[in-house]
Amino acid sequence: MSKLWGLFICFGLALFVNASGVAANQHQSSKAASDSAALALIEQALATYRQAQDATDSAERSSLFLQAARLFDAAASANPNPALYANAGTAYIQGQQRGFATLAFKRAIRLQPEYPQALRSLGQLRASLPAWVPRPSAQSADAMFAQLMLWTETERDNAMVGAFLLTSLLFALALGLRLSALGWAGGIGLLIFTALLAISVRAHLTPPLADAVITVNHSTVHTSDSINATPRFTEALPAGVEVRLVETRGRWMRVRFADQGEGWVSASAISMVARDG
């Protein structure tokens, strides 16, 4: 039995090393191709941001902050980086564009789920929304599960291989050393592996709904894809409301809110969190 677990460990380790090496090579190639363009944009963004800080006229100040935000955003698009998206979000707030600020912070969190500045700022933006507006809870089980569903296939595979290796090692040690505590720990590892496998299967069978943000202020949500349909809310939505895309039909998008309610919004009012390419 111990030899069998040893073979499992060797097989899992080979899979892990191969997957990690491919991912690292792809990342390095992509990064090298976009660094120079991103650097020029960052320099422009920093210079414009400093001009905004020094401006005394409020309209000029907001305009310069908005320019800086767009430059940070463009730099992050050329070379995806959570810090650049977080900088864009901060500048968008000062440029009076709360919808695009929410979008930028969500893009930062998509790249690095525990990025402190983005999490803190996104939480503040959510708290500033009117009380009647549905908003996600960062600590909810649904939010955590949704984040796991957003992992790439490589990330899910690496996590499963890691859990498998740990479980195999614990069971092998439990059998070899005859320690029941290690067997119980192996059982926990097996549960983690099973949960990750279930998430991976679900991701293949039912891909998660794409995250989006309403970036146009005073957007009306309708009960069907018609301008004459009954509004879902008594008031128009402010920019910055987070949704998930369920369906696209012409110039309309059916979205799902944090309270699981749904409605139809003009496609021009919505920006997707994930960028193409």
C-alpha atoms as a PDB file:
ATOM      1  CA  MET A   1       0.000   0.000   0.000  1.00  0.00           C
ATOM      2  CA  SER A   2       2.852   2.388   0.849  1.00  0.00           C
ATOM      3  CA  LYS A   3       4.439   1.747  -2.584  1.00  0.00           C
ATOM      4  CA  LEU A   4       1.114   2.542  -4.262  1.00  0.00           C
ATOM      5  CA  TRP A   5       0.869   5.899  -2.489  1.00  0.00           C
ATOM      6  CA  GLY A   6       4.469   6.609  -3.450  1.00  0.00           C
ATOM      7  CA  LEU A   7       3.619   6.116  -7.125  1.00  0.00           C
ATOM      8  CA  PHE A   8       0.611   8.428  -6.758  1.00  0.00           C
ATOM      9  CA  ILE A   9       2.829  11.137  -5.227  1.00  0.00           C
ATOM     10  CA  CYS A  10       5.420  10.890  -8.030  1.00  0.00           C
ATOM     11  CA  PHE A  11       2.712  11.043 -10.698  1.00  0.00           C
ATOM     12  CA  GLY A  12       1.038  14.062  -9.095  1.00  0.00           C
ATOM     13  CA  LEU A  13       4.375  15.879  -8.692  1.00  0.00           C
ATOM     14  CA  ALA A  14       5.171  15.399 -12.394  1.00  0.00           C
ATOM     15  CA  LEU A  15       1.811  16.897 -13.373  1.00  0.00           C
ATOM     16  CA  PHE A  16       2.321  19.854 -11.044  1.00  0.00           C
ATOM     17  CA  VAL A  17       5.819  20.694 -12.323  1.00  0.00           C
ATOM     18  CA  ASN A  18       4.718  20.456 -15.969  1.00  0.00           C
ATOM     19  CA  ALA A  19       1.653  22.671 -15.514  1.00  0.00           C
ATOM     20  CA  SER A  20       3.579  25.268 -13.490  1.00  0.00           C
ATOM     21  CA  GLY A  21       6.387  25.458 -16.049  1.00  0.00           C
ATOM     22  CA  VAL A  22       4.019  26.054 -18.976  1.00  0.00           C
ATOM     23  CA  ALA A  23       2.132  28.783 -17.092  1.00  0.00           C
ATOM     24  CA  ALA A  24       5.366  30.543 -16.088  1.00  0.00           C
ATOM     25  CA  ASN A  25       6.712  30.572 -19.654  1.00  0.00           C
ATOM     26  CA  GLN A  26       3.475  31.987 -21.044  1.00  0.00           C
ATOM     27  CA  HIS A  27       3.403  34.718 -18.397  1.00  0.00           C
ATOM     28  CA  GLN A  28       7.018  35.776 -19.018  1.00  0.00           C
ATOM     29  CA  SER A  29       6.498  36.019 -22.798  1.00  0.00           C
ATOM     30  CA  SER A  30       3.361  38.139 -22.415  1.00  0.00           C
ATOM     31  CA  LYS A  31       4.991  40.421 -19.842  1.00  0.00           C
ATOM     32  CA  ALA A  32       8.070  41.114 -21.964  1.00  0.00           C
ATOM     33  CA  ALA A  33       5.925  42.124 -24.951  1.00  0.00           C
ATOM     34  CA  SER A  34       3.907  44.779 -23.084  1.00  0.00           C
ATOM     35  CA  ASP A  35       6.278  46.289 -20.488  1.00  0.00           C
ATOM     36  CA  SER A  36       7.625  49.165 -22.601  1.00  0.00           C
ATOM     37  CA  ALA A  37       4.199  50.432 -23.675  1.00  0.00           C
ATOM     38  CA  ALA A  38       2.882  50.189 -20.124  1.00  0.00           C
ATOM     39  CA  LEU A  39       5.882  52.082 -18.722  1.00  0.00           C
ATOM     40  CA  ALA A  40       5.298  55.071 -21.013  1.00  0.00           C
ATOM     41  CA  LEU A  41       1.623  55.171 -20.020  1.00  0.00           C
ATOM     42  CA  ILE A  42       2.487  54.954 -16.326  1.00  0.00           C
ATOM     43  CA  GLU A  43       4.860  57.915 -16.601  1.00  0.00           C
ATOM     44  CA  GLN A  44       2.136  59.964 -18.301  1.00  0.00           C
ATOM     45  CA  ALA A  45      -0.397  58.887 -15.686  1.00  0.00           C
ATOM     46  CA  LEU A  46       1.851  59.892 -12.772  1.00  0.00           C
ATOM     47  CA  ALA A  47       2.637  63.268 -14.341  1.00  0.00           C
ATOM     48  CA  THR A  48      -1.056  63.952 -14.993  1.00  0.00           C
ATOM     49  CA  TYR A  49      -2.003  62.837 -11.480  1.00  0.00           C
ATOM     50  CA  ARG A  50       0.524  65.283  -9.992  1.00  0.00           C
ATOM     51  CA  GLN A  51      -0.925  68.067 -12.163  1.00  0.00           C
ATOM     52  CA  ALA A  52      -4.378  67.234 -10.833  1.00  0.00           C
ATOM     53  CA  GLN A  53      -3.165  67.428  -7.251  1.00  0.00           C
ATOM     54  CA  ASP A  54      -1.687  70.879  -7.911  1.00  0.00           C
ATOM     55  CA  ALA A  55      -4.737  72.229  -9.769  1.00  0.00           C
ATOM     56  CA  THR A  56      -6.840  74.783  -7.880  1.00  0.00           C
ATOM     57  CA  ASP A  57      -9.893  74.896 -10.159  1.00  0.00           C
ATOM     58  CA  SER A  58     -12.291  72.054  -9.241  1.00  0.00           C
ATOM     59  CA  ALA A  59     -13.387  71.372 -12.828  1.00  0.00           C
ATOM     60  CA  GLU A  60      -9.793  71.258 -14.078  1.00  0.00           C
ATOM     61  CA  ARG A  61      -8.826  69.080 -11.121  1.00  0.00           C
ATOM     62  CA  SER A  62     -11.559  66.514 -11.844  1.00  0.00           C
ATOM     63  CA  SER A  63     -10.696  66.503 -15.547  1.00  0.00           C
ATOM     64  CA  LEU A  64      -7.000  65.851 -14.874  1.00  0.00           C
ATOM     65  CA  PHE A  65      -7.780  63.084 -12.390  1.00  0.00           C
ATOM     66  CA  LEU A  66     -10.008  61.479 -15.008  1.00  0.00           C
ATOM     67  CA  GLN A  67      -7.212  61.695 -17.593  1.00  0.00           C
ATOM     68  CA  ALA A  68      -4.792  60.107 -15.137  1.00  0.00           C
ATOM     69  CA  ALA A  69      -7.294  57.339 -14.399  1.00  0.00           C
ATOM     70  CA  ARG A  70      -7.662  56.513 -18.078  1.00  0.00           C
ATOM     71  CA  LEU A  71      -3.878  56.409 -18.505  1.00  0.00           C
ATOM     72  CA  PHE A  72      -3.488  54.059 -15.518  1.00  0.00           C
ATOM     73  CA  ASP A  73      -6.321  51.973 -16.974  1.00  0.00           C
ATOM     74  CA  ALA A  74      -4.625  51.810 -20.372  1.00  0.00           C
ATOM     75  CA  ALA A  75      -1.333  50.809 -18.740  1.00  0.00           C
ATOM     76  CA  ALA A  76      -3.092  48.040 -16.833  1.00  0.00           C
ATOM     77  CA  SER A  77      -4.714  46.869 -20.052  1.00  0.00           C
ATOM     78  CA  ALA A  78      -1.299  46.665 -21.747  1.00  0.00           C
ATOM     79  CA  ASN A  79       0.305  44.948 -18.768  1.00  0.00           C
ATOM     80  CA  PRO A  80      -2.331  43.646 -16.292  1.00  0.00           C
ATOM     81  CA  ASN A  81      -1.309  44.546 -12.760  1.00  0.00           C
ATOM     82  CA  PRO A  82      -3.478  44.959  -9.643  1.00  0.00           C
ATOM     83  CA  ALA A  83      -1.570  48.056  -8.478  1.00  0.00           C
ATOM     84  CA  LEU A  84      -2.207  49.840 -11.781  1.00  0.00           C
ATOM     85  CA  TYR A  85      -5.917  49.027 -11.647  1.00  0.00           C
ATOM     86  CA  ALA A  86      -6.061  50.193  -8.026  1.00  0.00           C
ATOM     87  CA  ASN A  87      -4.367  53.472  -8.997  1.00  0.00           C
ATOM     88  CA  ALA A  88      -6.877  53.872 -11.816  1.00  0.00           C
ATOM     89  CA  GLY A  89      -9.720  53.278  -9.372  1.00  0.00           C
ATOM     90  CA  THR A  90      -8.427  55.903  -6.942  1.00  0.00           C
ATOM     91  CA  ALA A  91      -8.050  58.457  -9.745  1.00  0.00           C
ATOM     92  CA  TYR A  92     -11.531  57.611 -11.083  1.00  0.00           C
ATOM     93  CA  ILE A  93     -13.022  58.376  -7.661  1.00  0.00           C
ATOM     94  CA  GLN A  94     -11.322  61.770  -7.626  1.00  0.00           C
ATOM     95  CA  GLY A  95     -12.496  62.293 -11.196  1.00  0.00           C
ATOM     96  CA  GLN A  96     -16.114  61.725 -10.086  1.00  0.00           C
ATOM     97  CA  GLN A  97     -16.478  58.441 -11.988  1.00  0.00           C
ATOM     98  CA  ARG A  98     -17.549  55.978  -9.300  1.00  0.00           C
ATOM     99  CA  GLY A  99     -18.776  53.360 -11.771  1.00  0.00           C
ATOM    100  CA  PHE A 100     -15.427  53.093 -13.497  1.00  0.00           C
ATOM    101  CA  ALA A 101     -13.710  53.186 -10.095  1.00  0.00           C
ATOM    102  CA  THR A 102     -15.701  50.121  -9.033  1.00  0.00           C
ATOM    103  CA  LEU A 103     -14.803  48.443 -12.318  1.00  0.00           C
ATOM    104  CA  ALA A 104     -11.077  49.144 -11.843  1.00  0.00           C
ATOM    105  CA  PHE A 105     -11.028  47.814  -8.276  1.00  0.00           C
ATOM    106  CA  LYS A 106     -12.858  44.655  -9.365  1.00  0.00           C
ATOM    107  CA  ARG A 107     -10.279  44.138 -12.103  1.00  0.00           C
ATOM    108  CA  ALA A 108      -7.511  44.484  -9.513  1.00  0.00           C
ATOM    109  CA  ILE A 109      -9.206  41.898  -7.287  1.00  0.00           C
ATOM    110  CA  ARG A 110      -9.681  39.575 -10.239  1.00  0.00           C
ATOM    111  CA  LEU A 111      -5.902  39.573 -10.692  1.00  0.00           C
ATOM    112  CA  GLN A 112      -5.121  39.377  -6.958  1.00  0.00           C
ATOM    113  CA  PRO A 113      -8.142  38.454  -4.792  1.00  0.00           C
ATOM    114  CA  GLU A 114      -6.561  39.637  -1.534  1.00  0.00           C
ATOM    115  CA  TYR A 115      -5.189  42.977  -2.813  1.00  0.00           C
ATOM    116  CA  PRO A 116      -5.725  45.247   0.262  1.00  0.00           C
ATOM    117  CA  GLN A 117      -6.159  48.656  -1.402  1.00  0.00           C
ATOM    118  CA  ALA A 118      -8.705  47.369  -3.913  1.00  0.00           C
ATOM    119  CA  LEU A 119     -10.682  45.424  -1.307  1.00  0.00           C
ATOM    120  CA  ARG A 120     -10.791  48.396   1.054  1.00  0.00           C
ATOM    121  CA  SER A 121     -11.766  50.915  -1.617  1.00  0.00           C
ATOM    122  CA  LEU A 122     -14.376  48.617  -3.176  1.00  0.00           C
ATOM    123  CA  GLY A 123     -15.905  48.098   0.261  1.00  0.00           C
ATOM    124  CA  GLN A 124     -16.151  51.868   0.751  1.00  0.00           C
ATOM    125  CA  LEU A 125     -17.807  52.316  -2.641  1.00  0.00           C
ATOM    126  CA  ARG A 126     -20.335  49.591  -1.854  1.00  0.00           C
ATOM    127  CA  ALA A 127     -21.116  51.186   1.503  1.00  0.00           C
ATOM    128  CA  SER A 128     -21.759  54.555  -0.158  1.00  0.00           C
ATOM    129  CA  LEU A 129     -24.508  53.184  -2.427  1.00  0.00           C
ATOM    130  CA  PRO A 130     -28.144  53.924  -1.490  1.00  0.00           C
ATOM    131  CA  ALA A 131     -29.558  51.426   1.006  1.00  0.00           C
ATOM    132  CA  TRP A 132     -32.057  49.968  -1.501  1.00  0.00           C
ATOM    133  CA  VAL A 133     -29.381  48.999  -4.037  1.00  0.00           C
ATOM    134  CA  PRO A 134     -28.417  45.273  -3.970  1.00  0.00           C
ATOM    135  CA  ARG A 135     -24.722  44.792  -3.257  1.00  0.00           C
ATOM    136  CA  PRO A 136     -22.528  41.740  -2.690  1.00  0.00           C
ATOM    137  CA  SER A 137     -21.023  40.843   0.639  1.00  0.00           C
ATOM    138  CA  ALA A 138     -17.291  40.165   0.394  1.00  0.00           C
ATOM    139  CA  GLN A 139     -17.552  37.603   3.191  1.00  0.00           C
ATOM    140  CA  SER A 140     -20.517  35.623   1.855  1.00  0.00           C
ATOM    141  CA  ALA A 141     -20.106  31.960   0.949  1.00  0.00           C
ATOM    142  CA  ASP A 142     -21.527  32.711  -2.478  1.00  0.00           C
ATOM    143  CA  ALA A 143     -18.870  35.380  -3.084  1.00  0.00           C
ATOM    144  CA  MET A 144     -16.054  33.041  -2.041  1.00  0.00           C
ATOM    145  CA  PHE A 145     -17.406  30.217  -4.209  1.00  0.00           C
ATOM    146  CA  ALA A 146     -17.774  32.616  -7.139  1.00  0.00           C
ATOM    147  CA  GLN A 147     -14.132  33.640  -6.727  1.00  0.00           C
ATOM    148  CA  LEU A 148     -13.032  30.000  -6.862  1.00  0.00           C
ATOM    149  CA  MET A 149     -15.120  29.546 -10.006  1.00  0.00           C
ATOM    150  CA  LEU A 150     -13.170  32.399 -11.595  1.00  0.00           C
ATOM    151  CA  TRP A 151      -9.853  30.579 -11.239  1.00  0.00           C
ATOM    152  CA  THR A 152      -8.242  29.610 -14.500  1.00  0.00           C
ATOM    153  CA  GLU A 153      -8.154  25.945 -15.474  1.00  0.00           C
ATOM    154  CA  THR A 154      -4.414  25.867 -14.678  1.00  0.00           C
ATOM    155  CA  GLU A 155      -4.989  27.345 -11.213  1.00  0.00           C
ATOM    156  CA  ARG A 156      -7.709  24.795 -10.457  1.00  0.00           C
ATOM    157  CA  ASP A 157      -5.545  21.939 -11.734  1.00  0.00           C
ATOM    158  CA  ASN A 158      -2.555  23.071  -9.662  1.00  0.00           C
ATOM    159  CA  ALA A 159      -4.726  23.367  -6.542  1.00  0.00           C
ATOM    160  CA  MET A 160      -6.139  19.861  -7.090  1.00  0.00           C
ATOM    161  CA  VAL A 161      -2.677  18.379  -7.661  1.00  0.00           C
ATOM    162  CA  GLY A 162      -1.404  20.118  -4.529  1.00  0.00           C
ATOM    163  CA  ALA A 163      -4.297  18.789  -2.461  1.00  0.00           C
ATOM    164  CA  PHE A 164      -3.789  15.328  -3.943  1.00  0.00           C
ATOM    165  CA  LEU A 165      -0.050  15.353  -3.124  1.00  0.00           C
ATOM    166  CA  LEU A 166      -0.681  16.499   0.434  1.00  0.00           C
ATOM    167  CA  THR A 167      -3.392  13.891   0.949  1.00  0.00           C
ATOM    168  CA  SER A 168      -1.191  11.141  -0.487  1.00  0.00           C
ATOM    169  CA  LEU A 169       1.731  12.139   1.699  1.00  0.00           C
ATOM    170  CA  LEU A 170      -0.394  12.224   4.849  1.00  0.00           C
ATOM    171  CA  PHE A 171      -1.944   8.811   4.167  1.00  0.00           C
ATOM    172  CA  ALA A 172       1.475   7.327   3.333  1.00  0.00           C
ATOM    173  CA  LEU A 173       2.931   8.664   6.586  1.00  0.00           C
ATOM    174  CA  ALA A 174      -0.095   7.486   8.533  1.00  0.00           C
ATOM    175  CA  LEU A 175       0.357   3.947   7.189  1.00  0.00           C
ATOM    176  CA  GLY A 176       4.124   3.932   7.601  1.00  0.00           C
ATOM    177  CA  LEU A 177       4.253   5.490  11.077  1.00  0.00           C
ATOM    178  CA  ARG A 178       0.899   4.079  12.224  1.00  0.00           C
ATOM    179  CA  LEU A 179      -0.276   7.493  13.424  1.00  0.00           C
ATOM    180  CA  SER A 180      -4.047   7.872  13.325  1.00  0.00           C
ATOM    181  CA  ALA A 181      -3.797  11.681  13.597  1.00  0.00           C
ATOM    182  CA  LEU A 182      -2.083  11.804  10.211  1.00  0.00           C
ATOM    183  CA  GLY A 183      -4.851   9.627   8.806  1.00  0.00           C
ATOM    184  CA  TRP A 184      -7.464  12.113  10.026  1.00  0.00           C
ATOM    185  CA  ALA A 185      -5.456  14.977   8.491  1.00  0.00           C
ATOM    186  CA  GLY A 186      -5.331  13.006   5.250  1.00  0.00           C
ATOM    187  CA  GLY A 187      -9.105  12.687   5.388  1.00  0.00           C
ATOM    188  CA  ILE A 188      -9.410  16.466   5.593  1.00  0.00           C
ATOM    189  CA  GLY A 189      -7.071  16.780   2.628  1.00  0.00           C
ATOM    190  CA  LEU A 190      -9.246  14.310   0.727  1.00  0.00           C
ATOM    191  CA  LEU A 191     -12.313  16.457   1.439  1.00  0.00           C
ATOM    192  CA  ILE A 192     -10.489  19.545   0.105  1.00  0.00           C
ATOM    193  CA  PHE A 193      -9.451  17.636  -3.010  1.00  0.00           C
ATOM    194  CA  THR A 194     -13.030  16.461  -3.544  1.00  0.00           C
ATOM    195  CA  ALA A 195     -14.371  20.004  -3.156  1.00  0.00           C
ATOM    196  CA  LEU A 196     -11.867  21.357  -5.676  1.00  0.00           C
ATOM    197  CA  LEU A 197     -12.747  18.549  -8.079  1.00  0.00           C
ATOM    198  CA  ALA A 198     -16.449  19.384  -7.747  1.00  0.00           C
ATOM    199  CA  ILE A 199     -15.734  23.064  -8.464  1.00  0.00           C
ATOM    200  CA  SER A 200     -13.679  22.104 -11.515  1.00  0.00           C
ATOM    201  CA  VAL A 201     -16.451  19.846 -12.848  1.00  0.00           C
ATOM    202  CA  ARG A 202     -19.076  22.535 -12.260  1.00  0.00           C
ATOM    203  CA  ALA A 203     -16.904  25.139 -14.011  1.00  0.00           C
ATOM    204  CA  HIS A 204     -16.758  22.898 -17.086  1.00  0.00           C
ATOM    205  CA  LEU A 205     -20.458  22.038 -17.066  1.00  0.00           C
ATOM    206  CA  THR A 206     -21.879  25.420 -16.042  1.00  0.00           C
ATOM    207  CA  PRO A 207     -19.387  28.265 -16.575  1.00  0.00           C
ATOM    208  CA  PRO A 208     -19.815  31.101 -14.040  1.00  0.00           C
ATOM    209  CA  LEU A 209     -21.722  34.206 -15.046  1.00  0.00           C
ATOM    210  CA  ALA A 210     -19.407  36.998 -16.145  1.00  0.00           C
ATOM    211  CA  ASP A 211     -18.950  39.874 -13.702  1.00  0.00           C
ATOM    212  CA  ALA A 212     -19.917  43.354 -14.869  1.00  0.00           C
ATOM    213  CA  VAL A 213     -20.499  46.844 -13.467  1.00  0.00           C
ATOM    214  CA  ILE A 214     -23.120  49.433 -14.349  1.00  0.00           C
ATOM    215  CA  THR A 215     -20.933  52.384 -15.283  1.00  0.00           C
ATOM    216  CA  VAL A 216     -23.604  54.823 -16.518  1.00  0.00           C
ATOM    217  CA  ASN A 217     -25.339  56.840 -13.834  1.00  0.00           C
ATOM    218  CA  HIS A 218     -29.157  56.806 -13.576  1.00  0.00           C
ATOM    219  CA  SER A 219     -29.569  53.527 -15.466  1.00  0.00           C
ATOM    220  CA  THR A 220     -33.090  52.121 -15.559  1.00  0.00           C
ATOM    221  CA  VAL A 221     -33.563  48.394 -15.004  1.00  0.00           C
ATOM    222  CA  HIS A 222     -36.528  46.894 -16.880  1.00  0.00           C
ATOM    223  CA  THR A 223     -38.438  43.660 -16.344  1.00  0.00           C
ATOM    224  CA  SER A 224     -37.982  42.713 -20.025  1.00  0.00           C
ATOM    225  CA  ASP A 225     -35.880  43.779 -23.004  1.00  0.00           C
ATOM    226  CA  SER A 226     -38.023  46.755 -23.962  1.00  0.00           C
ATOM    227  CA  ILE A 227     -37.846  50.454 -23.200  1.00  0.00           C
ATOM    228  CA  ASN A 228     -41.576  50.305 -22.432  1.00  0.00           C
ATOM    229  CA  ALA A 229     -41.248  47.450 -19.917  1.00  0.00           C
ATOM    230  CA  THR A 230     -41.998  48.078 -16.265  1.00  0.00           C
ATOM    231  CA  PRO A 231     -38.970  49.265 -14.267  1.00  0.00           C
ATOM    232  CA  ARG A 232     -37.719  46.712 -11.750  1.00  0.00           C
ATOM    233  CA  PHE A 233     -36.794  49.409  -9.229  1.00  0.00           C
ATOM    234  CA  THR A 234     -38.701  52.547  -8.368  1.00  0.00           C
ATOM    235  CA  GLU A 235     -35.541  54.570  -8.950  1.00  0.00           C
ATOM    236  CA  ALA A 236     -32.799  54.493 -11.573  1.00  0.00           C
ATOM    237  CA  LEU A 237     -29.571  52.794 -10.518  1.00  0.00           C
ATOM    238  CA  PRO A 238     -26.465  54.819  -9.730  1.00  0.00           C
ATOM    239  CA  ALA A 239     -23.172  53.978 -11.423  1.00  0.00           C
ATOM    240  CA  GLY A 240     -21.122  51.407  -9.545  1.00  0.00           C
ATOM    241  CA  VAL A 241     -23.703  48.644  -9.086  1.00  0.00           C
ATOM    242  CA  GLU A 242     -22.147  45.197  -9.512  1.00  0.00           C
ATOM    243  CA  VAL A 243     -23.999  42.616 -11.595  1.00  0.00           C
ATOM    244  CA  ARG A 244     -23.469  39.349 -13.457  1.00  0.00           C
ATOM    245  CA  LEU A 245     -24.341  38.895 -17.094  1.00  0.00           C
ATOM    246  CA  VAL A 246     -26.996  36.250 -17.746  1.00  0.00           C
ATOM    247  CA  GLU A 247     -27.939  36.904 -21.355  1.00  0.00           C
ATOM    248  CA  THR A 248     -27.407  39.360 -24.204  1.00  0.00           C
ATOM    249  CA  ARG A 249     -30.248  40.113 -26.590  1.00  0.00           C
ATOM    250  CA  GLY A 250     -29.576  42.832 -29.138  1.00  0.00           C
ATOM    251  CA  ARG A 251     -28.811  46.056 -27.322  1.00  0.00           C
ATOM    252  CA  TRP A 252     -30.102  44.673 -24.022  1.00  0.00           C
ATOM    253  CA  MET A 253     -28.423  42.639 -21.320  1.00  0.00           C
ATOM    254  CA  ARG A 254     -30.181  40.541 -18.706  1.00  0.00           C
ATOM    255  CA  VAL A 255     -28.239  40.854 -15.474  1.00  0.00           C
ATOM    256  CA  ARG A 256     -28.393  39.262 -12.044  1.00  0.00           C
ATOM    257  CA  PHE A 257     -27.981  41.355  -8.913  1.00  0.00           C
ATOM    258  CA  ALA A 258     -26.443  40.416  -5.589  1.00  0.00           C
ATOM    259  CA  ASP A 259     -29.910  39.635  -4.177  1.00  0.00           C
ATOM    260  CA  GLN A 260     -30.357  37.097  -7.050  1.00  0.00           C
ATOM    261  CA  GLY A 261     -33.008  39.275  -8.674  1.00  0.00           C
ATOM    262  CA  GLU A 262     -32.743  39.904 -12.405  1.00  0.00           C
ATOM    263  CA  GLY A 263     -33.539  42.679 -14.854  1.00  0.00           C
ATOM    264  CA  TRP A 264     -32.743  44.071 -18.298  1.00  0.00           C
ATOM    265  CA  VAL A 265     -30.333  46.977 -18.774  1.00  0.00           C
ATOM    266  CA  SER A 266     -29.107  48.763 -21.883  1.00  0.00           C
ATOM    267  CA  ALA A 267     -25.821  47.172 -23.000  1.00  0.00           C
ATOM    268  CA  SER A 268     -24.271  50.634 -23.338  1.00  0.00           C
ATOM    269  CA  ALA A 269     -24.657  51.135 -19.562  1.00  0.00           C
ATOM    270  CA  ILE A 270     -22.593  48.065 -18.648  1.00  0.00           C
ATOM    271  CA  SER A 271     -18.849  47.351 -18.639  1.00  0.00           C
ATOM    272  CA  MET A 272     -17.484  43.840 -18.282  1.00  0.00           C
ATOM    273  CA  VAL A 273     -14.859  43.157 -15.616  1.00  0.00           C
ATOM    274  CA  ALA A 274     -12.934  40.651 -17.750  1.00  0.00           C
ATOM    275  CA  ARG A 275     -11.216  42.270 -20.698  1.00  0.00           C
ATOM    276  CA  ASP A 276     -10.902  40.456 -24.023  1.00  0.00           C
ATOM    277  CA  GLY A 277      -7.434  39.149 -24.661  1.00  0.00           C
END
